[in-house]
Amino acid sequence: MNQNQKEQVVITVLGANKPGILAGITRAIADANVNVEDVSQKIMQDLFALMMMTDFSQANCSFETFQSRMQEVADQLKVRIFIQHEDVFRFQHRL
């Protein structure tokens, strides 16, 4: 991939709120050398919702490996994580 071209990936996290979710998610993202460019987090009563726009172009692993690693984090934290390329996300949501 061209170094000047970004590979935008949307990460969505949903689950019951508890300490450590954001730390666990961002640690795994940083370990993969993925850059968080924008983030929105909301806690409603005991529910946790997070959406991130990331730049995957400098990642040190394949997209499939990243998805697998993030699924392991999701299982540990007992949350749901959805990871999609931005174009797929936009198509699915017709944005």
N, C-alpha and C. Protein backbone atom coordinates (compact mmCIF):
# COMPACT_ATOMS: atom_id res chain seq x y z
N MET A 1 0.84 -1.18 0.00
CA MET A 1 0.00 0.00 0.00
C MET A 1 0.88 1.24 0.00
N ASN A 2 0.48 2.22 -0.74
CA ASN A 2 1.17 3.51 -0.79
C ASN A 2 1.22 4.10 0.62
N GLN A 3 2.42 4.55 1.05
CA GLN A 3 2.55 5.07 2.41
C GLN A 3 1.68 6.29 2.65
N ASN A 4 1.36 7.05 1.59
CA ASN A 4 0.54 8.24 1.76
C ASN A 4 -0.95 7.92 1.77
N GLN A 5 -1.31 6.71 1.40
CA GLN A 5 -2.70 6.32 1.32
C GLN A 5 -3.11 5.61 2.62
N LYS A 6 -4.17 6.10 3.22
CA LYS A 6 -4.64 5.50 4.47
C LYS A 6 -5.54 4.32 4.18
N GLU A 7 -5.48 3.34 5.06
CA GLU A 7 -6.39 2.22 5.03
C GLU A 7 -7.27 2.37 6.28
N GLN A 8 -8.40 3.02 6.10
CA GLN A 8 -9.28 3.33 7.22
C GLN A 8 -10.05 2.08 7.67
N VAL A 9 -10.03 1.83 8.97
CA VAL A 9 -10.74 0.70 9.57
C VAL A 9 -11.58 1.23 10.73
N VAL A 10 -12.86 0.82 10.74
CA VAL A 10 -13.79 1.21 11.80
C VAL A 10 -13.85 0.08 12.82
N ILE A 11 -13.67 0.45 14.09
CA ILE A 11 -13.75 -0.53 15.19
C ILE A 11 -14.89 -0.10 16.10
N THR A 12 -15.82 -1.01 16.34
CA THR A 12 -16.95 -0.75 17.22
C THR A 12 -16.91 -1.76 18.36
N VAL A 13 -17.10 -1.27 19.59
CA VAL A 13 -17.07 -2.14 20.77
C VAL A 13 -18.35 -1.90 21.57
N LEU A 14 -19.02 -2.98 21.94
CA LEU A 14 -20.25 -2.90 22.72
C LEU A 14 -20.19 -3.92 23.85
N GLY A 15 -20.72 -3.53 25.01
CA GLY A 15 -20.77 -4.48 26.11
C GLY A 15 -21.18 -3.83 27.41
N ALA A 16 -21.14 -4.62 28.46
CA ALA A 16 -21.43 -4.11 29.80
C ALA A 16 -20.22 -3.30 30.27
N ASN A 17 -20.47 -2.14 30.87
CA ASN A 17 -19.38 -1.27 31.32
C ASN A 17 -18.67 -1.88 32.52
N LYS A 18 -17.34 -1.80 32.47
CA LYS A 18 -16.50 -2.22 33.59
C LYS A 18 -15.12 -1.64 33.37
N PRO A 19 -14.32 -1.50 34.41
CA PRO A 19 -12.98 -0.95 34.26
C PRO A 19 -12.11 -1.79 33.33
N GLY A 20 -11.29 -1.13 32.53
CA GLY A 20 -10.30 -1.81 31.73
C GLY A 20 -10.65 -2.06 30.28
N ILE A 21 -11.89 -1.78 29.87
CA ILE A 21 -12.26 -2.05 28.48
C ILE A 21 -11.44 -1.19 27.53
N LEU A 22 -11.47 0.12 27.73
CA LEU A 22 -10.75 1.02 26.84
C LEU A 22 -9.25 0.70 26.83
N ALA A 23 -8.69 0.44 27.99
CA ALA A 23 -7.26 0.11 28.09
C ALA A 23 -6.93 -1.16 27.32
N GLY A 24 -7.74 -2.18 27.46
CA GLY A 24 -7.50 -3.45 26.77
C GLY A 24 -7.60 -3.31 25.26
N ILE A 25 -8.59 -2.58 24.81
CA ILE A 25 -8.79 -2.37 23.38
C ILE A 25 -7.63 -1.57 22.79
N THR A 26 -7.31 -0.44 23.42
CA THR A 26 -6.26 0.43 22.86
C THR A 26 -4.88 -0.23 22.94
N ARG A 27 -4.65 -1.06 23.94
CA ARG A 27 -3.36 -1.78 24.03
C ARG A 27 -3.20 -2.71 22.83
N ALA A 28 -4.25 -3.44 22.50
CA ALA A 28 -4.19 -4.37 21.36
C ALA A 28 -4.03 -3.61 20.04
N ILE A 29 -4.68 -2.46 19.93
CA ILE A 29 -4.56 -1.64 18.73
C ILE A 29 -3.13 -1.12 18.59
N ALA A 30 -2.57 -0.62 19.68
CA ALA A 30 -1.19 -0.11 19.65
C ALA A 30 -0.20 -1.24 19.36
N ASP A 31 -0.41 -2.41 19.92
CA ASP A 31 0.48 -3.55 19.68
C ASP A 31 0.53 -3.92 18.19
N ALA A 32 -0.57 -3.66 17.48
CA ALA A 32 -0.63 -3.95 16.04
C ALA A 32 -0.13 -2.78 15.19
N ASN A 33 0.33 -1.71 15.85
CA ASN A 33 0.80 -0.50 15.18
C ASN A 33 -0.29 0.15 14.33
N VAL A 34 -1.51 0.10 14.83
CA VAL A 34 -2.66 0.74 14.18
C VAL A 34 -2.88 2.07 14.89
N ASN A 35 -3.09 3.12 14.12
CA ASN A 35 -3.23 4.46 14.69
C ASN A 35 -4.70 4.83 14.88
N VAL A 36 -5.09 5.22 16.08
CA VAL A 36 -6.44 5.71 16.34
C VAL A 36 -6.51 7.18 15.92
N GLU A 37 -7.41 7.48 15.00
CA GLU A 37 -7.53 8.84 14.49
C GLU A 37 -8.73 9.59 15.06
N ASP A 38 -9.76 8.87 15.42
CA ASP A 38 -10.94 9.51 16.02
C ASP A 38 -11.63 8.47 16.90
N VAL A 39 -12.21 8.94 17.99
CA VAL A 39 -12.86 8.01 18.91
C VAL A 39 -14.08 8.68 19.52
N SER A 40 -15.12 7.89 19.69
CA SER A 40 -16.32 8.32 20.38
C SER A 40 -16.70 7.21 21.35
N GLN A 41 -16.87 7.59 22.60
CA GLN A 41 -17.22 6.61 23.63
C GLN A 41 -18.42 7.13 24.40
N LYS A 42 -19.31 6.23 24.73
CA LYS A 42 -20.49 6.60 25.50
C LYS A 42 -20.79 5.50 26.51
N ILE A 43 -21.08 5.92 27.72
CA ILE A 43 -21.51 4.98 28.75
C ILE A 43 -22.93 5.39 29.13
N MET A 44 -23.87 4.49 28.90
CA MET A 44 -25.27 4.74 29.22
C MET A 44 -25.70 3.74 30.28
N GLN A 45 -25.90 4.27 31.49
CA GLN A 45 -26.17 3.42 32.65
C GLN A 45 -25.04 2.41 32.78
N ASP A 46 -25.28 1.14 32.52
CA ASP A 46 -24.20 0.15 32.66
C ASP A 46 -23.75 -0.40 31.30
N LEU A 47 -24.07 0.31 30.21
CA LEU A 47 -23.71 -0.14 28.87
C LEU A 47 -22.56 0.70 28.32
N PHE A 48 -21.62 0.03 27.67
CA PHE A 48 -20.44 0.67 27.11
C PHE A 48 -20.52 0.60 25.59
N ALA A 49 -20.31 1.73 24.93
CA ALA A 49 -20.28 1.77 23.46
C ALA A 49 -19.09 2.62 23.03
N LEU A 50 -18.32 2.11 22.08
CA LEU A 50 -17.13 2.79 21.61
C LEU A 50 -17.05 2.62 20.10
N MET A 51 -16.71 3.71 19.42
CA MET A 51 -16.48 3.64 17.98
C MET A 51 -15.18 4.38 17.68
N MET A 52 -14.31 3.74 16.91
CA MET A 52 -13.02 4.33 16.55
C MET A 52 -12.84 4.29 15.05
N MET A 53 -12.24 5.36 14.52
CA MET A 53 -11.75 5.36 13.15
C MET A 53 -10.24 5.23 13.27
N THR A 54 -9.69 4.24 12.60
CA THR A 54 -8.26 3.99 12.70
C THR A 54 -7.61 3.97 11.32
N ASP A 55 -6.31 4.16 11.32
CA ASP A 55 -5.51 4.05 10.10
C ASP A 55 -4.71 2.76 10.21
N PHE A 56 -5.03 1.81 9.34
CA PHE A 56 -4.43 0.48 9.37
C PHE A 56 -3.22 0.38 8.44
N SER A 57 -2.89 1.45 7.74
CA SER A 57 -1.87 1.37 6.68
C SER A 57 -0.47 1.02 7.18
N GLN A 58 -0.17 1.26 8.44
CA GLN A 58 1.16 0.93 8.98
C GLN A 58 1.13 -0.27 9.93
N ALA A 59 0.03 -1.02 9.90
CA ALA A 59 -0.12 -2.17 10.80
C ALA A 59 1.00 -3.19 10.57
N ASN A 60 1.36 -3.88 11.65
CA ASN A 60 2.42 -4.88 11.57
C ASN A 60 1.86 -6.30 11.41
N CYS A 61 0.61 -6.41 10.98
CA CYS A 61 -0.03 -7.71 10.77
C CYS A 61 -1.10 -7.56 9.68
N SER A 62 -1.60 -8.69 9.22
CA SER A 62 -2.68 -8.65 8.22
C SER A 62 -3.99 -8.25 8.89
N PHE A 63 -4.93 -7.83 8.08
CA PHE A 63 -6.25 -7.47 8.60
C PHE A 63 -6.89 -8.66 9.31
N GLU A 64 -6.76 -9.85 8.72
CA GLU A 64 -7.35 -11.06 9.31
C GLU A 64 -6.70 -11.40 10.66
N THR A 65 -5.39 -11.24 10.74
CA THR A 65 -4.70 -11.48 12.02
C THR A 65 -5.15 -10.46 13.05
N PHE A 66 -5.30 -9.22 12.65
CA PHE A 66 -5.77 -8.17 13.56
C PHE A 66 -7.17 -8.51 14.07
N GLN A 67 -8.05 -8.92 13.18
CA GLN A 67 -9.41 -9.31 13.60
C GLN A 67 -9.35 -10.45 14.62
N SER A 68 -8.50 -11.41 14.38
CA SER A 68 -8.37 -12.55 15.30
C SER A 68 -7.84 -12.10 16.66
N ARG A 69 -6.82 -11.25 16.65
CA ARG A 69 -6.28 -10.73 17.93
C ARG A 69 -7.33 -9.94 18.69
N MET A 70 -8.09 -9.12 17.97
CA MET A 70 -9.12 -8.31 18.62
C MET A 70 -10.25 -9.19 19.16
N GLN A 71 -10.53 -10.30 18.48
CA GLN A 71 -11.55 -11.22 18.99
C GLN A 71 -11.09 -11.85 20.30
N GLU A 72 -9.81 -12.14 20.42
CA GLU A 72 -9.27 -12.66 21.68
C GLU A 72 -9.45 -11.64 22.80
N VAL A 73 -9.19 -10.37 22.50
CA VAL A 73 -9.38 -9.29 23.49
C VAL A 73 -10.85 -9.20 23.86
N ALA A 74 -11.72 -9.27 22.86
CA ALA A 74 -13.17 -9.20 23.12
C ALA A 74 -13.60 -10.34 24.06
N ASP A 75 -13.09 -11.53 23.80
CA ASP A 75 -13.44 -12.68 24.65
C ASP A 75 -12.95 -12.46 26.08
N GLN A 76 -11.74 -11.93 26.24
CA GLN A 76 -11.19 -11.67 27.57
C GLN A 76 -12.01 -10.61 28.31
N LEU A 77 -12.41 -9.57 27.59
CA LEU A 77 -13.14 -8.45 28.21
C LEU A 77 -14.65 -8.68 28.26
N LYS A 78 -15.10 -9.75 27.61
CA LYS A 78 -16.54 -10.07 27.54
C LYS A 78 -17.33 -8.92 26.91
N VAL A 79 -16.82 -8.47 25.74
CA VAL A 79 -17.50 -7.45 24.94
C VAL A 79 -17.58 -7.97 23.50
N ARG A 80 -18.34 -7.26 22.68
CA ARG A 80 -18.41 -7.56 21.25
C ARG A 80 -17.59 -6.52 20.51
N ILE A 81 -16.76 -6.96 19.58
CA ILE A 81 -15.96 -6.06 18.77
C ILE A 81 -16.26 -6.34 17.30
N PHE A 82 -16.54 -5.27 16.57
CA PHE A 82 -16.79 -5.37 15.14
C PHE A 82 -15.72 -4.54 14.43
N ILE A 83 -15.03 -5.14 13.47
CA ILE A 83 -13.95 -4.47 12.76
C ILE A 83 -14.23 -4.55 11.27
N GLN A 84 -14.31 -3.39 10.62
CA GLN A 84 -14.61 -3.35 9.19
C GLN A 84 -13.80 -2.27 8.50
N HIS A 85 -13.42 -2.54 7.27
CA HIS A 85 -12.84 -1.47 6.47
C HIS A 85 -13.91 -0.38 6.32
N GLU A 86 -13.48 0.86 6.26
CA GLU A 86 -14.41 1.99 6.20
C GLU A 86 -15.37 1.88 5.02
N ASP A 87 -14.90 1.45 3.86
CA ASP A 87 -15.79 1.38 2.70
C ASP A 87 -16.89 0.34 2.91
N VAL A 88 -16.57 -0.78 3.55
CA VAL A 88 -17.57 -1.81 3.84
C VAL A 88 -18.58 -1.26 4.85
N PHE A 89 -18.09 -0.60 5.89
CA PHE A 89 -18.96 -0.01 6.91
C PHE A 89 -19.93 0.98 6.26
N ARG A 90 -19.39 1.88 5.44
CA ARG A 90 -20.23 2.89 4.79
C ARG A 90 -21.25 2.26 3.85
N PHE A 91 -20.85 1.22 3.13
CA PHE A 91 -21.78 0.55 2.24
C PHE A 91 -22.92 -0.10 3.03
N GLN A 92 -22.57 -0.79 4.11
CA GLN A 92 -23.59 -1.46 4.91
C GLN A 92 -24.56 -0.48 5.54
N HIS A 93 -24.07 0.70 5.90
CA HIS A 93 -24.90 1.69 6.57
C HIS A 93 -25.35 2.80 5.63
N ARG A 94 -24.99 2.68 4.38
CA ARG A 94 -25.38 3.63 3.33
C ARG A 94 -25.12 5.07 3.73
N LEU A 95 -23.91 5.32 4.21
CA LEU A 95 -23.53 6.67 4.63
C LEU A 95 -22.95 7.44 3.48
